[in-house]
Amino acid sequence: MDDMLTKPTDLSDLREMLLKWLDKAGSTTNAELSRVVTTVSEHPAQAVAAMDFGALKKFAISYAAQIEMLQAFSLQNRGDIADLHTALKAGDPAAVARVAHRIKGASRMVGAVELASVCTDIEAAARRGEMPDASGRLNRAMVRVEAAISEFVQRR
């Protein structure tokens, strides 16, 4: 019973337990485990990744191609996000659905899973004729995606 954690759990206890069991599984090095578990335990709300860079690698194998694709995505997406905000403010469900669909597709292509999810919800609501109050959620997702892209570029 020493390996049981009860709620509410202290994040440092969770970190120690995760390190212990992940290390036993031999899935990765201790340094990598420590970095991942520390990030998750210090920022639990960010445990769900904004980006899945594995998806990007399906379309761009080299690092240079990945960077180029991410830069093009970021540049185009800023305009699309502005268009989506405009359509939301105008109360135009057809335009909202169209732009959200475009952002969703581009996001999936580069692995921006959080932004794709937000746009999926916005598109579905707009197709039902609903005008979601999604600006805050959209902005948060975009900030997290941009931060993840920036971190990805700086890691290499």
Protein backbone atom coordinates (compact mmCIF):
# COMPACT_ATOMS: atom_id res chain seq x y z
CA MET A 1 0.00 0.00 0.00
CA ASP A 2 3.00 2.32 -0.02
CA ASP A 3 2.31 3.17 -3.66
CA MET A 4 -1.16 4.53 -3.08
CA LEU A 5 -1.86 8.24 -3.37
CA THR A 6 -5.03 9.76 -2.03
CA LYS A 7 -6.83 12.91 -3.05
CA PRO A 8 -5.93 15.64 -2.63
CA THR A 9 -2.40 14.66 -3.55
CA ASP A 10 0.60 16.84 -3.06
CA LEU A 11 2.19 17.34 -6.47
CA SER A 12 5.65 16.54 -5.12
CA ASP A 13 4.33 13.13 -3.97
CA LEU A 14 2.82 12.56 -7.40
CA ARG A 15 6.11 13.52 -9.02
CA GLU A 16 8.06 11.04 -6.88
CA MET A 17 5.59 8.25 -7.60
CA LEU A 18 5.64 8.89 -11.34
CA LEU A 19 9.42 8.96 -11.41
CA LYS A 20 9.55 5.71 -9.48
CA TRP A 21 7.18 3.79 -11.73
CA LEU A 22 8.24 5.27 -15.04
CA ASP A 23 11.84 4.50 -14.18
CA LYS A 24 10.89 0.88 -13.41
CA ALA A 25 9.21 0.65 -16.81
CA GLY A 26 12.53 1.69 -18.39
CA SER A 27 10.77 3.95 -20.84
CA THR A 28 13.34 6.73 -20.92
CA THR A 29 16.30 8.26 -19.08
CA ASN A 30 16.05 9.67 -15.57
CA ALA A 31 16.86 13.19 -16.80
CA GLU A 32 14.05 13.04 -19.37
CA LEU A 33 11.65 11.59 -16.81
CA SER A 34 12.49 14.28 -14.31
CA ARG A 35 11.98 17.06 -16.86
CA VAL A 36 8.63 15.71 -18.07
CA VAL A 37 7.27 14.94 -14.62
CA THR A 38 8.43 18.28 -13.25
CA THR A 39 6.73 20.12 -16.10
CA VAL A 40 3.49 18.22 -15.60
CA SER A 41 3.51 18.55 -11.82
CA GLU A 42 4.36 22.26 -11.86
CA HIS A 43 1.90 23.06 -14.65
CA PRO A 44 -0.94 20.52 -14.39
CA ALA A 45 -3.23 22.59 -16.61
CA GLN A 46 -0.64 22.29 -19.37
CA ALA A 47 -0.37 18.51 -19.10
CA VAL A 48 -2.46 18.24 -22.24
CA ALA A 49 -0.13 19.26 -25.02
CA ALA A 50 -1.04 22.09 -27.34
CA MET A 51 1.04 20.47 -30.09
CA ASP A 52 1.74 16.98 -31.35
CA PHE A 53 4.92 17.40 -33.33
CA GLY A 54 4.68 13.79 -34.48
CA ALA A 55 1.90 14.87 -36.84
CA LEU A 56 4.17 17.53 -38.32
CA LYS A 57 6.85 14.95 -39.05
CA LYS A 58 4.45 13.13 -41.39
CA PHE A 59 4.59 16.11 -43.75
CA ALA A 60 8.03 17.55 -43.07
CA ILE A 61 10.82 15.11 -42.34
CA SER A 62 13.78 17.46 -41.99
CA TYR A 63 14.05 19.97 -39.18
CA ALA A 64 14.42 22.80 -41.70
CA ALA A 65 11.20 21.76 -43.45
CA GLN A 66 9.41 21.51 -40.10
CA ILE A 67 10.50 25.02 -39.14
CA GLU A 68 9.44 26.37 -42.53
CA MET A 69 6.05 24.69 -42.23
CA LEU A 70 5.53 25.98 -38.68
CA GLN A 71 6.47 29.52 -39.71
CA ALA A 72 4.05 29.42 -42.64
CA PHE A 73 1.35 28.03 -40.36
CA SER A 74 1.91 30.75 -37.76
CA LEU A 75 1.85 33.53 -40.32
CA GLN A 76 -1.27 32.28 -42.11
CA ASN A 77 -3.01 31.40 -38.89
CA ARG A 78 -2.72 34.91 -37.48
CA GLY A 79 -4.76 36.19 -40.41
CA ASP A 80 -7.25 33.34 -40.12
CA ILE A 81 -7.67 33.93 -36.38
CA ALA A 82 -8.35 37.62 -37.07
CA ASP A 83 -10.91 36.60 -39.72
CA LEU A 84 -12.55 34.23 -37.27
CA HIS A 85 -12.80 36.93 -34.60
CA THR A 86 -14.35 39.26 -37.20
CA ALA A 87 -16.89 36.62 -38.23
CA LEU A 88 -17.73 35.87 -34.59
CA LYS A 89 -18.27 39.57 -33.86
CA ALA A 90 -20.39 39.97 -36.99
CA GLY A 91 -22.55 37.02 -35.98
CA ASP A 92 -22.06 35.29 -39.33
CA PRO A 93 -22.34 31.53 -38.71
CA ALA A 94 -21.45 30.59 -42.30
CA ALA A 95 -18.23 32.62 -42.19
CA VAL A 96 -17.43 31.33 -38.70
CA ALA A 97 -17.84 27.72 -39.85
CA ARG A 98 -15.77 28.30 -43.00
CA VAL A 99 -12.84 29.97 -41.22
CA ALA A 100 -12.93 27.60 -38.24
CA HIS A 101 -12.82 24.69 -40.69
CA ARG A 102 -9.79 26.18 -42.45
CA ILE A 103 -7.94 26.73 -39.16
CA LYS A 104 -8.87 23.23 -37.99
CA GLY A 105 -7.41 21.64 -41.12
CA ALA A 106 -4.17 23.59 -40.99
CA SER A 107 -3.86 22.93 -37.26
CA ARG A 108 -4.26 19.20 -37.71
CA MET A 109 -1.64 19.19 -40.44
CA VAL A 110 1.04 20.68 -38.18
CA GLY A 111 -0.15 18.93 -35.02
CA ALA A 112 -1.75 21.91 -33.26
CA VAL A 113 -4.21 19.58 -31.56
CA GLU A 114 -5.58 22.02 -29.00
CA LEU A 115 -6.34 24.68 -31.60
CA ALA A 116 -7.86 22.05 -33.91
CA SER A 117 -10.12 20.91 -31.07
CA VAL A 118 -11.27 24.45 -30.31
CA CYS A 119 -12.00 25.08 -33.98
CA THR A 120 -13.86 21.77 -34.29
CA ASP A 121 -16.19 22.92 -31.51
CA ILE A 122 -16.61 26.39 -33.02
CA GLU A 123 -17.31 24.98 -36.47
CA ALA A 124 -19.88 22.50 -35.15
CA ALA A 125 -21.69 25.20 -33.19
CA ALA A 126 -21.71 27.56 -36.17
CA ARG A 127 -23.11 24.84 -38.44
CA ARG A 128 -25.95 24.44 -35.94
CA GLY A 129 -26.55 28.17 -36.28
CA GLU A 130 -25.14 28.93 -32.85
CA MET A 131 -22.62 31.67 -32.31
CA PRO A 132 -20.30 30.48 -29.57
CA ASP A 133 -18.55 32.91 -27.26
CA ALA A 134 -15.22 31.35 -28.13
CA SER A 135 -12.82 34.27 -28.37
CA GLY A 136 -11.17 33.60 -25.01
CA ARG A 137 -10.76 29.88 -25.63
CA LEU A 138 -9.48 30.55 -29.14
CA ASN A 139 -6.93 33.09 -27.91
CA ARG A 140 -5.70 30.79 -25.12
CA ALA A 141 -5.24 27.93 -27.56
CA MET A 142 -3.39 30.14 -30.02
CA VAL A 143 -1.06 31.47 -27.31
CA ARG A 144 -0.28 27.91 -26.18
CA VAL A 145 0.35 26.79 -29.76
CA GLU A 146 2.65 29.74 -30.45
CA ALA A 147 4.53 29.05 -27.21
CA ALA A 148 4.91 25.37 -28.10
CA ILE A 149 6.17 26.27 -31.57
CA SER A 150 8.64 28.75 -30.12
CA GLU A 151 9.90 26.15 -27.64
CA PHE A 152 10.21 23.57 -30.43
CA VAL A 153 12.28 25.95 -32.54
CA GLN A 154 14.56 26.87 -29.63
CA ARG A 155 15.12 23.25 -28.54
CA ARG A 156 17.00 22.32 -31.68
